[in-house]
Protein backbone atom coordinates (compact mmCIF):
# COMPACT_ATOMS: atom_id res chain seq x y z
CA MET A 1 91.20 76.84 114.34
CA GLY A 2 93.90 78.46 116.53
CA PHE A 3 94.25 80.21 119.62
CA THR A 4 96.08 83.30 120.89
CA LEU A 5 97.90 83.69 124.22
CA PRO A 6 97.95 88.11 125.30
CA TYR A 7 99.23 88.71 128.73
CA PRO A 8 98.05 92.24 130.31
CA THR A 9 101.21 94.03 131.23
CA PHE A 10 101.63 97.62 132.76
CA SER A 11 103.97 99.97 131.88
CA SER A 12 105.38 102.16 133.95
CA VAL A 13 107.02 104.77 131.56
CA SER A 14 103.61 105.26 129.97
CA LYS A 15 101.34 104.27 133.33
CA ALA A 16 99.22 102.48 131.18
CA ARG A 17 98.27 98.28 130.48
CA LYS A 18 99.76 97.44 127.81
CA TYR A 19 99.27 93.58 126.48
CA THR A 20 102.09 91.23 125.31
CA LEU A 21 101.08 88.73 122.64
CA ASN A 22 103.09 85.85 123.44
CA ASP A 23 101.41 82.79 121.04
CA LEU A 24 99.22 83.07 117.96
CA PHE A 25 98.86 79.88 116.09
CA VAL A 26 96.46 78.18 113.49
CA HIS A 27 96.37 74.70 112.49
CA LEU A 28 97.67 73.73 109.67
CA ASP A 29 94.33 73.25 108.25
CA HIS A 30 92.90 76.70 108.80
CA ARG A 31 95.85 78.46 107.33
CA ARG A 32 96.17 81.31 104.40
CA LYS A 33 91.68 81.56 105.54
CA GLY A 34 92.35 84.84 107.15
CA VAL A 35 92.07 82.63 111.02
CA ALA A 36 95.32 84.34 111.82
CA SER A 37 93.91 88.06 110.96
CA THR A 38 90.48 87.53 112.64
CA LEU A 39 92.72 86.40 115.69
CA LEU A 40 95.13 89.12 115.81
CA SER A 41 92.30 91.48 115.22
CA GLU A 42 90.37 89.86 118.29
CA VAL A 43 93.10 90.37 120.13
CA VAL A 44 93.83 93.93 119.50
CA ARG A 45 90.36 94.82 120.03
CA HIS A 46 90.25 92.66 123.21
CA ALA A 47 93.36 95.11 124.71
CA LEU A 48 91.66 97.94 123.39
CA SER A 49 88.70 97.46 125.35
CA ASN A 50 90.63 97.22 128.56
CA GLY A 51 92.62 100.02 128.11
CA ALA A 52 95.79 99.25 126.31
CA VAL A 53 98.51 101.47 124.62
CA ARG A 54 100.32 99.26 123.47
CA LEU A 55 100.59 95.68 121.83
CA HIS A 56 103.52 93.79 121.86
CA LEU A 57 104.59 90.97 119.02
CA GLU A 58 107.24 89.06 118.94
CA THR A 59 108.23 86.18 116.79
CA GLU A 60 111.13 84.60 115.62
CA ALA A 61 113.25 85.70 112.97
CA SER A 62 113.08 82.66 110.51
CA ASN A 63 109.22 83.34 110.94
CA SER A 64 108.32 85.16 107.99
CA SER A 65 104.76 83.74 108.02
CA ALA A 66 103.93 86.00 111.22
CA GLN A 67 106.23 89.05 110.45
CA ASN A 68 103.83 88.98 106.73
CA LEU A 69 100.95 88.84 108.94
CA TYR A 70 102.15 91.87 111.67
CA ASP A 71 103.17 93.95 108.81
CA SER A 72 99.70 93.49 107.02
CA GLU A 73 98.17 94.56 109.79
CA GLY A 74 100.25 97.59 110.68
């Protein structure tokens, strides 16, 4: 249905692990069904369980769907 690519990194400023979510993709047939939200929640759960203090999200300025998802998830 979809996938994510979270990459663990380390912040020397906060001296802690952080994650960068490089990609979150949902197949067209499964969009608008909560799949992206579930994937994002799992990335957050995984990052927290591995001691991350931050999750960095980035998207194209024109990708309003992703921006709306990220905003809605806080």
